[in-house]
Amino acid sequence: MRFSFGFIFLFVALILSACSSGPSESEFAPKIGDIYTTIKHFHPDAYAHKPTEERRTIGFIISVSVTDPDGLDDITGIYIYDKTHNSYFKLVDKSVLNQEADCRQTEEVIECSFYSKDRPDFLNLGGYELVAVDRHSYTTRKSFEFKLPAGLVVDDEEFVYSDVFADDPDNDVTNGIKGLEVMTVANNGLEFSLNNEGGTIDLKFEAKDDRVTAYGLALYDNAEIPNLVGEISFKSPTLQSAPIVLGQETVVDIPWNEIDFQDGYDVSNLTSSLYGLYVILFDESTVSTQFEVQKAWFNYSGTSEFITQAVD
């Protein structure tokens, strides 16, 4: 009997040892890398053409790297959980990118643009989790919060708000910060014209937000709902040579060859159908190392009032 019990004990011990030394769920679960965000402040013009429930003046971009030991195809869901409001922003659902959020994926990096239909004019800075789930229901969670301009860490600030939010006397902006400046014709002297002889877009404005360090342009045609014709990056040599200086007017003539045209558009569309543009301001950039390549990343942007060509 002593031999029998001893044998049984040894057999059970071996089974337990095998189980305990096996791989854990964390070895097979998705891996979440660095999370980058941009809080976007819009003039109401930007979404005035949308139905009421889709209009907003605050939104955000999130960019994150998510991998899985069994390959990217093993990932079935990626979403942001807003713990404060018990709500979700879906990047990937049932293995499909969320096209409504303009999600796009390059290798393991996914980037999406979101806003809250319930809170279209402000955004809490903290209380979020990025959650990734695979086909085996292995789940990884990573807490994160939005940053302040220039990538600074949140102190006692609780939320970001827009001009529209601040203009409502019923809203309390205590412990909040305003989104990056949204320029207007009245406040900033925004003006542009198309110089056909010189082949330039001539622009002038005065930015008044001391957090602003860079700017770019988005050009639109004269359709009933204007279409994006092209963009001029903050990296444009001409924009780089005409930096924003607080307290001074920025005056710049931008050559047409610095426009990054959308598919189906070219220089001929400027003279025939260019209608107006937005000037987009950016805060001091930080560094993104996604794809193991350093590049500028802006944590805040401000999209101006829509301006049309100046008429002499």
C-alpha atoms as a PDB file:
ATOM      1  CA  MET A   1       0.000   0.000   0.000  1.00  0.00           C
ATOM      2  CA  ARG A   2       2.820   2.389   0.802  1.00  0.00           C
ATOM      3  CA  PHE A   3       4.214   1.780  -2.693  1.00  0.00           C
ATOM      4  CA  SER A   4       0.829   2.435  -4.310  1.00  0.00           C
ATOM      5  CA  PHE A   5       0.212   5.697  -2.450  1.00  0.00           C
ATOM      6  CA  GLY A   6       3.741   6.815  -3.158  1.00  0.00           C
ATOM      7  CA  PHE A   7       3.312   6.136  -6.863  1.00  0.00           C
ATOM      8  CA  ILE A   8       0.010   8.048  -6.979  1.00  0.00           C
ATOM      9  CA  PHE A   9       1.550  10.986  -5.155  1.00  0.00           C
ATOM     10  CA  LEU A  10       4.459  11.091  -7.594  1.00  0.00           C
ATOM     11  CA  PHE A  11       2.110  10.881 -10.597  1.00  0.00           C
ATOM     12  CA  VAL A  12      -0.058  13.791  -9.367  1.00  0.00           C
ATOM     13  CA  ALA A  13       3.027  15.866  -8.558  1.00  0.00           C
ATOM     14  CA  LEU A  14       4.326  15.409 -12.095  1.00  0.00           C
ATOM     15  CA  ILE A  15       0.998  16.526 -13.589  1.00  0.00           C
ATOM     16  CA  LEU A  16       0.875  19.622 -11.388  1.00  0.00           C
ATOM     17  CA  SER A  17       4.451  20.446 -12.250  1.00  0.00           C
ATOM     18  CA  ALA A  18       3.729  20.158 -15.960  1.00  0.00           C
ATOM     19  CA  CYS A  19       0.721  22.458 -15.638  1.00  0.00           C
ATOM     20  CA  SER A  20       2.508  25.085 -13.596  1.00  0.00           C
ATOM     21  CA  SER A  21       5.494  25.222 -15.918  1.00  0.00           C
ATOM     22  CA  GLY A  22       3.378  25.657 -19.052  1.00  0.00           C
ATOM     23  CA  PRO A  23       2.952  28.983 -20.870  1.00  0.00           C
ATOM     24  CA  SER A  24       0.788  31.634 -19.220  1.00  0.00           C
ATOM     25  CA  GLU A  25      -1.974  33.629 -20.898  1.00  0.00           C
ATOM     26  CA  SER A  26       0.255  36.695 -20.952  1.00  0.00           C
ATOM     27  CA  GLU A  27       2.634  34.894 -23.316  1.00  0.00           C
ATOM     28  CA  PHE A  28      -0.111  34.498 -25.916  1.00  0.00           C
ATOM     29  CA  ALA A  29      -2.055  37.740 -25.322  1.00  0.00           C
ATOM     30  CA  PRO A  30      -1.719  40.770 -27.634  1.00  0.00           C
ATOM     31  CA  LYS A  31       1.061  43.251 -26.880  1.00  0.00           C
ATOM     32  CA  ILE A  32       0.258  46.991 -26.742  1.00  0.00           C
ATOM     33  CA  GLY A  33       3.086  49.399 -27.563  1.00  0.00           C
ATOM     34  CA  ASP A  34       3.371  53.151 -27.131  1.00  0.00           C
ATOM     35  CA  ILE A  35       0.190  55.216 -27.438  1.00  0.00           C
ATOM     36  CA  TYR A  36       0.234  58.612 -29.164  1.00  0.00           C
ATOM     37  CA  THR A  37      -2.682  61.064 -29.167  1.00  0.00           C
ATOM     38  CA  THR A  38      -3.635  64.404 -30.686  1.00  0.00           C
ATOM     39  CA  ILE A  39      -6.511  66.504 -29.322  1.00  0.00           C
ATOM     40  CA  LYS A  40      -8.134  68.463 -32.151  1.00  0.00           C
ATOM     41  CA  HIS A  41     -10.012  71.751 -31.681  1.00  0.00           C
ATOM     42  CA  PHE A  42     -12.266  72.757 -34.572  1.00  0.00           C
ATOM     43  CA  HIS A  43     -14.077  75.901 -35.569  1.00  0.00           C
ATOM     44  CA  PRO A  44     -17.803  75.051 -35.949  1.00  0.00           C
ATOM     45  CA  ASP A  45     -17.384  75.553 -39.721  1.00  0.00           C
ATOM     46  CA  ALA A  46     -15.491  72.273 -39.988  1.00  0.00           C
ATOM     47  CA  TYR A  47     -18.556  70.088 -39.427  1.00  0.00           C
ATOM     48  CA  ALA A  48     -21.393  72.545 -40.074  1.00  0.00           C
ATOM     49  CA  HIS A  49     -22.430  70.490 -43.133  1.00  0.00           C
ATOM     50  CA  LYS A  50     -22.965  67.375 -40.997  1.00  0.00           C
ATOM     51  CA  PRO A  51     -26.215  66.319 -39.273  1.00  0.00           C
ATOM     52  CA  THR A  52     -26.608  67.858 -35.815  1.00  0.00           C
ATOM     53  CA  GLU A  53     -25.571  64.651 -34.020  1.00  0.00           C
ATOM     54  CA  GLU A  54     -22.262  64.556 -35.956  1.00  0.00           C
ATOM     55  CA  ARG A  55     -21.181  68.139 -35.330  1.00  0.00           C
ATOM     56  CA  ARG A  56     -18.312  68.673 -32.888  1.00  0.00           C
ATOM     57  CA  THR A  57     -15.589  71.102 -31.930  1.00  0.00           C
ATOM     58  CA  ILE A  58     -13.354  68.669 -30.001  1.00  0.00           C
ATOM     59  CA  GLY A  59     -12.056  65.338 -31.247  1.00  0.00           C
ATOM     60  CA  PHE A  60      -8.908  63.252 -31.026  1.00  0.00           C
ATOM     61  CA  ILE A  61      -6.554  61.006 -32.939  1.00  0.00           C
ATOM     62  CA  ILE A  62      -5.009  57.898 -31.410  1.00  0.00           C
ATOM     63  CA  SER A  63      -2.079  55.993 -32.883  1.00  0.00           C
ATOM     64  CA  VAL A  64      -0.963  52.727 -31.299  1.00  0.00           C
ATOM     65  CA  SER A  65       1.116  49.664 -32.088  1.00  0.00           C
ATOM     66  CA  VAL A  66      -0.547  46.320 -31.293  1.00  0.00           C
ATOM     67  CA  THR A  67       1.061  42.951 -31.992  1.00  0.00           C
ATOM     68  CA  ASP A  68       0.199  39.341 -31.211  1.00  0.00           C
ATOM     69  CA  PRO A  69       2.468  36.270 -30.829  1.00  0.00           C
ATOM     70  CA  ASP A  70       0.209  34.402 -33.267  1.00  0.00           C
ATOM     71  CA  GLY A  71       0.251  37.198 -35.847  1.00  0.00           C
ATOM     72  CA  LEU A  72      -1.803  40.311 -36.495  1.00  0.00           C
ATOM     73  CA  ASP A  73      -4.661  38.227 -37.934  1.00  0.00           C
ATOM     74  CA  ASP A  74      -5.190  36.747 -34.489  1.00  0.00           C
ATOM     75  CA  ILE A  75      -6.372  40.105 -33.107  1.00  0.00           C
ATOM     76  CA  THR A  76     -10.170  40.442 -33.196  1.00  0.00           C
ATOM     77  CA  GLY A  77     -10.803  43.601 -31.186  1.00  0.00           C
ATOM     78  CA  ILE A  78      -9.050  46.800 -30.173  1.00  0.00           C
ATOM     79  CA  TYR A  79     -10.943  49.516 -28.342  1.00  0.00           C
ATOM     80  CA  ILE A  80     -10.633  52.423 -25.930  1.00  0.00           C
ATOM     81  CA  TYR A  81     -12.598  52.102 -22.712  1.00  0.00           C
ATOM     82  CA  ASP A  82     -13.627  55.422 -21.176  1.00  0.00           C
ATOM     83  CA  LYS A  83     -13.934  54.428 -17.524  1.00  0.00           C
ATOM     84  CA  THR A  84     -15.452  57.747 -16.484  1.00  0.00           C
ATOM     85  CA  HIS A  85     -18.443  57.479 -18.818  1.00  0.00           C
ATOM     86  CA  ASN A  86     -18.487  53.674 -19.242  1.00  0.00           C
ATOM     87  CA  SER A  87     -18.304  54.041 -23.008  1.00  0.00           C
ATOM     88  CA  TYR A  88     -16.127  52.726 -25.829  1.00  0.00           C
ATOM     89  CA  PHE A  89     -14.311  53.898 -28.938  1.00  0.00           C
ATOM     90  CA  LYS A  90     -13.713  50.965 -31.313  1.00  0.00           C
ATOM     91  CA  LEU A  91     -10.588  50.776 -33.458  1.00  0.00           C
ATOM     92  CA  VAL A  92     -11.068  47.154 -34.525  1.00  0.00           C
ATOM     93  CA  ASP A  93     -14.261  45.133 -34.107  1.00  0.00           C
ATOM     94  CA  LYS A  94     -14.633  41.500 -35.204  1.00  0.00           C
ATOM     95  CA  SER A  95     -11.247  41.793 -36.936  1.00  0.00           C
ATOM     96  CA  VAL A  96     -12.437  44.741 -39.072  1.00  0.00           C
ATOM     97  CA  LEU A  97     -11.071  48.304 -38.910  1.00  0.00           C
ATOM     98  CA  ASN A  98     -13.623  50.936 -37.930  1.00  0.00           C
ATOM     99  CA  GLN A  99     -14.036  52.886 -41.175  1.00  0.00           C
ATOM    100  CA  GLU A 100     -16.429  55.364 -39.569  1.00  0.00           C
ATOM    101  CA  ALA A 101     -13.484  56.550 -37.470  1.00  0.00           C
ATOM    102  CA  ASP A 102     -11.216  56.798 -40.543  1.00  0.00           C
ATOM    103  CA  CYS A 103      -9.062  54.016 -39.103  1.00  0.00           C
ATOM    104  CA  ARG A 104      -6.047  52.980 -41.113  1.00  0.00           C
ATOM    105  CA  GLN A 105      -3.383  50.388 -40.445  1.00  0.00           C
ATOM    106  CA  THR A 106       0.249  50.188 -41.513  1.00  0.00           C
ATOM    107  CA  GLU A 107       1.865  46.971 -40.331  1.00  0.00           C
ATOM    108  CA  GLU A 108       1.120  46.821 -36.584  1.00  0.00           C
ATOM    109  CA  VAL A 109       0.303  50.546 -36.190  1.00  0.00           C
ATOM    110  CA  ILE A 110      -3.354  51.584 -36.179  1.00  0.00           C
ATOM    111  CA  GLU A 111      -4.482  55.208 -36.282  1.00  0.00           C
ATOM    112  CA  CYS A 112      -8.073  56.401 -35.823  1.00  0.00           C
ATOM    113  CA  SER A 113      -9.964  59.665 -35.372  1.00  0.00           C
ATOM    114  CA  PHE A 114     -12.769  59.880 -32.786  1.00  0.00           C
ATOM    115  CA  TYR A 115     -15.182  62.259 -31.091  1.00  0.00           C
ATOM    116  CA  SER A 116     -17.974  61.805 -28.568  1.00  0.00           C
ATOM    117  CA  LYS A 117     -21.547  62.354 -29.765  1.00  0.00           C
ATOM    118  CA  ASP A 118     -22.574  62.882 -26.133  1.00  0.00           C
ATOM    119  CA  ARG A 119     -19.726  65.307 -25.370  1.00  0.00           C
ATOM    120  CA  PRO A 120     -18.845  66.997 -28.682  1.00  0.00           C
ATOM    121  CA  ASP A 121     -17.248  70.108 -27.166  1.00  0.00           C
ATOM    122  CA  PHE A 122     -14.972  68.737 -24.435  1.00  0.00           C
ATOM    123  CA  LEU A 123     -12.840  65.707 -23.633  1.00  0.00           C
ATOM    124  CA  ASN A 124     -11.652  64.274 -20.328  1.00  0.00           C
ATOM    125  CA  LEU A 125      -7.877  63.945 -20.138  1.00  0.00           C
ATOM    126  CA  GLY A 126      -7.725  60.809 -17.975  1.00  0.00           C
ATOM    127  CA  GLY A 127      -9.538  57.589 -17.164  1.00  0.00           C
ATOM    128  CA  TYR A 128      -8.866  55.537 -20.320  1.00  0.00           C
ATOM    129  CA  GLU A 129      -7.742  52.000 -21.153  1.00  0.00           C
ATOM    130  CA  LEU A 130      -6.593  50.642 -24.494  1.00  0.00           C
ATOM    131  CA  VAL A 131      -7.846  47.049 -24.717  1.00  0.00           C
ATOM    132  CA  ALA A 132      -6.766  44.386 -27.229  1.00  0.00           C
ATOM    133  CA  VAL A 133      -8.428  40.953 -27.578  1.00  0.00           C
ATOM    134  CA  ASP A 134      -7.464  37.953 -29.715  1.00  0.00           C
ATOM    135  CA  ARG A 135      -9.340  34.909 -31.067  1.00  0.00           C
ATOM    136  CA  HIS A 136      -8.659  32.950 -27.880  1.00  0.00           C
ATOM    137  CA  SER A 137     -10.158  35.752 -25.758  1.00  0.00           C
ATOM    138  CA  TYR A 138      -6.712  36.557 -24.380  1.00  0.00           C
ATOM    139  CA  THR A 139      -6.933  40.203 -23.347  1.00  0.00           C
ATOM    140  CA  THR A 140      -4.401  42.944 -22.685  1.00  0.00           C
ATOM    141  CA  ARG A 141      -5.208  46.312 -21.095  1.00  0.00           C
ATOM    142  CA  LYS A 142      -3.070  49.428 -20.930  1.00  0.00           C
ATOM    143  CA  SER A 143      -4.087  52.584 -19.062  1.00  0.00           C
ATOM    144  CA  PHE A 144      -3.316  55.953 -20.634  1.00  0.00           C
ATOM    145  CA  GLU A 145      -4.198  59.620 -20.459  1.00  0.00           C
ATOM    146  CA  PHE A 146      -4.005  62.473 -22.907  1.00  0.00           C
ATOM    147  CA  LYS A 147      -1.091  64.859 -22.604  1.00  0.00           C
ATOM    148  CA  LEU A 148      -0.990  68.621 -22.289  1.00  0.00           C
ATOM    149  CA  PRO A 149       0.432  70.794 -25.099  1.00  0.00           C
ATOM    150  CA  ALA A 150       4.108  70.129 -25.860  1.00  0.00           C
ATOM    151  CA  GLY A 151       3.643  66.620 -24.470  1.00  0.00           C
ATOM    152  CA  LEU A 152       3.616  67.718 -20.833  1.00  0.00           C
ATOM    153  CA  VAL A 153       2.106  65.375 -18.251  1.00  0.00           C
ATOM    154  CA  VAL A 154      -1.290  66.236 -16.785  1.00  0.00           C
ATOM    155  CA  ASP A 155      -1.159  67.782 -13.301  1.00  0.00           C
ATOM    156  CA  ASP A 156      -4.545  68.860 -11.915  1.00  0.00           C
ATOM    157  CA  GLU A 157      -6.161  69.534 -15.301  1.00  0.00           C
ATOM    158  CA  GLU A 158      -9.214  67.372 -15.879  1.00  0.00           C
ATOM    159  CA  PHE A 159     -10.469  68.096 -19.398  1.00  0.00           C
ATOM    160  CA  VAL A 160      -9.942  69.994 -22.648  1.00  0.00           C
ATOM    161  CA  TYR A 161     -12.693  72.278 -23.929  1.00  0.00           C
ATOM    162  CA  SER A 162     -13.478  74.239 -27.085  1.00  0.00           C
ATOM    163  CA  ASP A 163     -14.436  77.871 -27.652  1.00  0.00           C
ATOM    164  CA  VAL A 164     -18.029  76.733 -28.115  1.00  0.00           C
ATOM    165  CA  PHE A 165     -17.981  75.033 -24.703  1.00  0.00           C
ATOM    166  CA  ALA A 166     -16.446  78.116 -23.041  1.00  0.00           C
ATOM    167  CA  ASP A 167     -19.007  80.451 -24.609  1.00  0.00           C
ATOM    168  CA  ASP A 168     -21.871  78.659 -22.854  1.00  0.00           C
ATOM    169  CA  PRO A 169     -22.369  80.388 -19.464  1.00  0.00           C
ATOM    170  CA  ASP A 170     -23.733  77.152 -17.990  1.00  0.00           C
ATOM    171  CA  ASN A 171     -20.377  75.402 -18.472  1.00  0.00           C
ATOM    172  CA  ASP A 172     -17.703  75.537 -15.780  1.00  0.00           C
ATOM    173  CA  VAL A 173     -14.173  75.550 -17.207  1.00  0.00           C
ATOM    174  CA  THR A 174     -12.457  75.294 -13.817  1.00  0.00           C
ATOM    175  CA  ASN A 175      -9.747  72.599 -13.943  1.00  0.00           C
ATOM    176  CA  GLY A 176     -10.001  72.535 -17.720  1.00  0.00           C
ATOM    177  CA  ILE A 177      -7.667  73.770 -20.458  1.00  0.00           C
ATOM    178  CA  LYS A 178      -8.722  75.326 -23.735  1.00  0.00           C
ATOM    179  CA  GLY A 179      -7.883  73.495 -26.925  1.00  0.00           C
ATOM    180  CA  LEU A 180      -5.251  75.008 -29.201  1.00  0.00           C
ATOM    181  CA  GLU A 181      -6.243  78.286 -30.814  1.00  0.00           C
ATOM    182  CA  VAL A 182      -8.888  78.237 -33.541  1.00  0.00           C
ATOM    183  CA  MET A 183      -8.278  81.312 -35.669  1.00  0.00           C
ATOM    184  CA  THR A 184     -10.996  83.490 -37.225  1.00  0.00           C
ATOM    185  CA  VAL A 185     -11.122  86.365 -39.689  1.00  0.00           C
ATOM    186  CA  ALA A 186     -12.301  88.742 -36.964  1.00  0.00           C
ATOM    187  CA  ASN A 187      -9.766  87.803 -34.285  1.00  0.00           C
ATOM    188  CA  ASN A 188      -6.711  86.911 -36.339  1.00  0.00           C
ATOM    189  CA  GLY A 189      -6.990  88.818 -39.642  1.00  0.00           C
ATOM    190  CA  LEU A 190      -7.062  85.578 -41.637  1.00  0.00           C
ATOM    191  CA  GLU A 191      -6.828  86.274 -45.360  1.00  0.00           C
ATOM    192  CA  PHE A 192      -5.635  84.492 -48.485  1.00  0.00           C
ATOM    193  CA  SER A 193      -5.605  85.026 -52.228  1.00  0.00           C
ATOM    194  CA  LEU A 194      -4.538  83.017 -55.261  1.00  0.00           C
ATOM    195  CA  ASN A 195      -1.692  84.558 -57.249  1.00  0.00           C
ATOM    196  CA  ASN A 196      -2.083  83.040 -60.719  1.00  0.00           C
ATOM    197  CA  GLU A 197       0.841  84.960 -62.223  1.00  0.00           C
ATOM    198  CA  GLY A 198       3.266  84.074 -59.466  1.00  0.00           C
ATOM    199  CA  GLY A 199       1.888  80.578 -58.906  1.00  0.00           C
ATOM    200  CA  THR A 200       1.455  81.050 -55.176  1.00  0.00           C
ATOM    201  CA  ILE A 201      -1.133  81.026 -52.416  1.00  0.00           C
ATOM    202  CA  ASP A 202      -0.667  84.274 -50.518  1.00  0.00           C
ATOM    203  CA  LEU A 203      -1.638  84.005 -46.858  1.00  0.00           C
ATOM    204  CA  LYS A 204      -1.557  86.218 -43.798  1.00  0.00           C
ATOM    205  CA  PHE A 205      -2.729  85.879 -40.201  1.00  0.00           C
ATOM    206  CA  GLU A 206      -1.697  86.547 -36.608  1.00  0.00           C
ATOM    207  CA  ALA A 207      -1.738  83.608 -34.190  1.00  0.00           C
ATOM    208  CA  LYS A 208      -2.220  84.676 -30.571  1.00  0.00           C
ATOM    209  CA  ASP A 209      -1.807  81.412 -28.650  1.00  0.00           C
ATOM    210  CA  ASP A 210       1.668  81.149 -27.109  1.00  0.00           C
ATOM    211  CA  ARG A 211       1.464  77.346 -27.297  1.00  0.00           C
ATOM    212  CA  VAL A 212       1.459  77.393 -31.115  1.00  0.00           C
ATOM    213  CA  THR A 213       4.705  76.609 -32.956  1.00  0.00           C
ATOM    214  CA  ALA A 214       3.721  75.405 -36.444  1.00  0.00           C
ATOM    215  CA  TYR A 215       0.964  75.529 -39.040  1.00  0.00           C
ATOM    216  CA  GLY A 216      -0.331  73.881 -42.210  1.00  0.00           C
ATOM    217  CA  LEU A 217      -3.156  74.328 -44.723  1.00  0.00           C
ATOM    218  CA  ALA A 218      -6.051  72.258 -46.064  1.00  0.00           C
ATOM    219  CA  LEU A 219      -7.454  73.410 -49.442  1.00  0.00           C
ATOM    220  CA  TYR A 220     -11.041  72.814 -50.597  1.00  0.00           C
ATOM    221  CA  ASP A 221     -12.986  73.162 -53.859  1.00  0.00           C
ATOM    222  CA  ASN A 222     -16.273  74.903 -54.590  1.00  0.00           C
ATOM    223  CA  ALA A 223     -18.575  71.863 -54.518  1.00  0.00           C
ATOM    224  CA  GLU A 224     -21.858  72.111 -52.576  1.00  0.00           C
ATOM    225  CA  ILE A 225     -20.077  70.195 -49.825  1.00  0.00           C
ATOM    226  CA  PRO A 226     -16.449  71.208 -50.465  1.00  0.00           C
ATOM    227  CA  ASN A 227     -13.978  68.416 -51.211  1.00  0.00           C
ATOM    228  CA  LEU A 228     -10.375  68.350 -50.051  1.00  0.00           C
ATOM    229  CA  VAL A 229      -8.169  69.391 -52.982  1.00  0.00           C
ATOM    230  CA  GLY A 230      -4.808  69.183 -51.268  1.00  0.00           C
ATOM    231  CA  GLU A 231      -2.744  69.981 -48.204  1.00  0.00           C
ATOM    232  CA  ILE A 232       0.363  71.984 -47.393  1.00  0.00           C
ATOM    233  CA  SER A 233       2.385  70.345 -44.640  1.00  0.00           C
ATOM    234  CA  PHE A 234       3.985  72.097 -41.686  1.00  0.00           C
ATOM    235  CA  LYS A 235       7.211  70.683 -43.177  1.00  0.00           C
ATOM    236  CA  SER A 236       6.791  72.805 -46.314  1.00  0.00           C
ATOM    237  CA  PRO A 237      10.065  74.699 -46.898  1.00  0.00           C
ATOM    238  CA  THR A 238       8.159  77.955 -47.330  1.00  0.00           C
ATOM    239  CA  LEU A 239       6.157  77.540 -44.111  1.00  0.00           C
ATOM    240  CA  GLN A 240       9.343  76.589 -42.290  1.00  0.00           C
ATOM    241  CA  SER A 241      10.949  79.796 -43.514  1.00  0.00           C
ATOM    242  CA  ALA A 242       7.997  81.881 -42.267  1.00  0.00           C
ATOM    243  CA  PRO A 243       7.547  80.715 -38.666  1.00  0.00           C
ATOM    244  CA  ILE A 244       4.899  82.027 -36.301  1.00  0.00           C
ATOM    245  CA  VAL A 245       6.190  84.789 -34.024  1.00  0.00           C
ATOM    246  CA  LEU A 246       3.909  85.788 -31.176  1.00  0.00           C
ATOM    247  CA  GLY A 247       2.705  89.363 -31.517  1.00  0.00           C
ATOM    248  CA  GLN A 248       3.568  89.554 -35.219  1.00  0.00           C
ATOM    249  CA  GLU A 249       1.583  88.948 -38.382  1.00  0.00           C
ATOM    250  CA  THR A 250       2.638  85.926 -40.413  1.00  0.00           C
ATOM    251  CA  VAL A 251       2.791  86.743 -44.136  1.00  0.00           C
ATOM    252  CA  VAL A 252       3.736  83.997 -46.551  1.00  0.00           C
ATOM    253  CA  ASP A 253       3.483  83.259 -50.296  1.00  0.00           C
ATOM    254  CA  ILE A 254       3.405  79.503 -50.815  1.00  0.00           C
ATOM    255  CA  PRO A 255       4.406  78.036 -54.205  1.00  0.00           C
ATOM    256  CA  TRP A 256       1.886  75.657 -55.743  1.00  0.00           C
ATOM    257  CA  ASN A 257       4.551  72.954 -56.060  1.00  0.00           C
ATOM    258  CA  GLU A 258       4.487  72.569 -52.258  1.00  0.00           C
ATOM    259  CA  ILE A 259       0.865  71.372 -52.333  1.00  0.00           C
ATOM    260  CA  ASP A 260       0.276  67.661 -51.749  1.00  0.00           C
ATOM    261  CA  PHE A 261      -2.723  67.125 -54.047  1.00  0.00           C
ATOM    262  CA  GLN A 262      -5.403  64.513 -53.443  1.00  0.00           C
ATOM    263  CA  ASP A 263      -5.904  61.851 -56.125  1.00  0.00           C
ATOM    264  CA  GLY A 264      -7.689  63.349 -59.123  1.00  0.00           C
ATOM    265  CA  TYR A 265      -6.582  66.925 -58.402  1.00  0.00           C
ATOM    266  CA  ASP A 266      -3.690  68.983 -59.707  1.00  0.00           C
ATOM    267  CA  VAL A 267      -2.642  72.600 -60.265  1.00  0.00           C
ATOM    268  CA  SER A 268      -5.422  73.128 -62.811  1.00  0.00           C
ATOM    269  CA  ASN A 269      -7.981  72.664 -60.032  1.00  0.00           C
ATOM    270  CA  LEU A 270      -6.573  75.641 -58.155  1.00  0.00           C
ATOM    271  CA  THR A 271      -7.461  78.151 -60.847  1.00  0.00           C
ATOM    272  CA  SER A 272     -10.750  76.507 -61.783  1.00  0.00           C
ATOM    273  CA  SER A 273     -12.288  75.437 -58.484  1.00  0.00           C
ATOM    274  CA  LEU A 274     -10.271  76.426 -55.393  1.00  0.00           C
ATOM    275  CA  TYR A 275     -12.821  77.928 -53.041  1.00  0.00           C
ATOM    276  CA  GLY A 276     -11.304  78.206 -49.587  1.00  0.00           C
ATOM    277  CA  LEU A 277      -9.039  76.764 -46.950  1.00  0.00           C
ATOM    278  CA  TYR A 278      -8.451  76.050 -43.282  1.00  0.00           C
ATOM    279  CA  VAL A 279      -5.291  77.046 -41.455  1.00  0.00           C
ATOM    280  CA  ILE A 280      -4.343  74.374 -38.917  1.00  0.00           C
ATOM    281  CA  LEU A 281      -2.175  75.329 -35.952  1.00  0.00           C
ATOM    282  CA  PHE A 282       0.008  72.886 -34.005  1.00  0.00           C
ATOM    283  CA  ASP A 283       1.633  72.872 -30.583  1.00  0.00           C
ATOM    284  CA  GLU A 284       5.304  72.157 -29.909  1.00  0.00           C
ATOM    285  CA  SER A 285       6.010  68.725 -31.313  1.00  0.00           C
ATOM    286  CA  THR A 286       7.250  65.693 -29.443  1.00  0.00           C
ATOM    287  CA  VAL A 287       8.875  62.608 -30.962  1.00  0.00           C
ATOM    288  CA  SER A 288       7.148  59.446 -32.150  1.00  0.00           C
ATOM    289  CA  THR A 289       9.289  56.329 -32.559  1.00  0.00           C
ATOM    290  CA  GLN A 290       6.738  54.088 -34.251  1.00  0.00           C
ATOM    291  CA  PHE A 291       8.341  51.953 -36.988  1.00  0.00           C
ATOM    292  CA  GLU A 292      11.603  52.655 -35.103  1.00  0.00           C
ATOM    293  CA  VAL A 293      11.903  55.949 -36.988  1.00  0.00           C
ATOM    294  CA  GLN A 294      11.801  59.251 -35.137  1.00  0.00           C
ATOM    295  CA  LYS A 295       9.290  61.772 -36.451  1.00  0.00           C
ATOM    296  CA  ALA A 296       7.452  64.831 -35.167  1.00  0.00           C
ATOM    297  CA  TRP A 297       4.199  64.188 -33.326  1.00  0.00           C
ATOM    298  CA  PHE A 298       1.815  66.965 -32.322  1.00  0.00           C
ATOM    299  CA  ASN A 299      -0.331  66.528 -29.227  1.00  0.00           C
ATOM    300  CA  TYR A 300      -2.715  69.391 -30.101  1.00  0.00           C
ATOM    301  CA  SER A 301      -4.081  71.087 -33.207  1.00  0.00           C
ATOM    302  CA  GLY A 302      -6.513  73.922 -33.901  1.00  0.00           C
ATOM    303  CA  THR A 303      -8.469  74.176 -37.184  1.00  0.00           C
ATOM    304  CA  SER A 304      -9.486  77.704 -38.160  1.00  0.00           C
ATOM    305  CA  GLU A 305     -12.645  79.225 -39.501  1.00  0.00           C
ATOM    306  CA  PHE A 306     -13.120  78.349 -43.190  1.00  0.00           C
ATOM    307  CA  ILE A 307     -11.863  81.289 -45.239  1.00  0.00           C
ATOM    308  CA  THR A 308     -12.523  82.084 -48.886  1.00  0.00           C
ATOM    309  CA  GLN A 309     -10.380  84.083 -51.301  1.00  0.00           C
ATOM    310  CA  ALA A 310      -9.995  87.773 -50.629  1.00  0.00           C
ATOM    311  CA  VAL A 311     -11.648  89.932 -53.299  1.00  0.00           C
ATOM    312  CA  ASP A 312      -9.992  93.210 -54.263  1.00  0.00           C
END
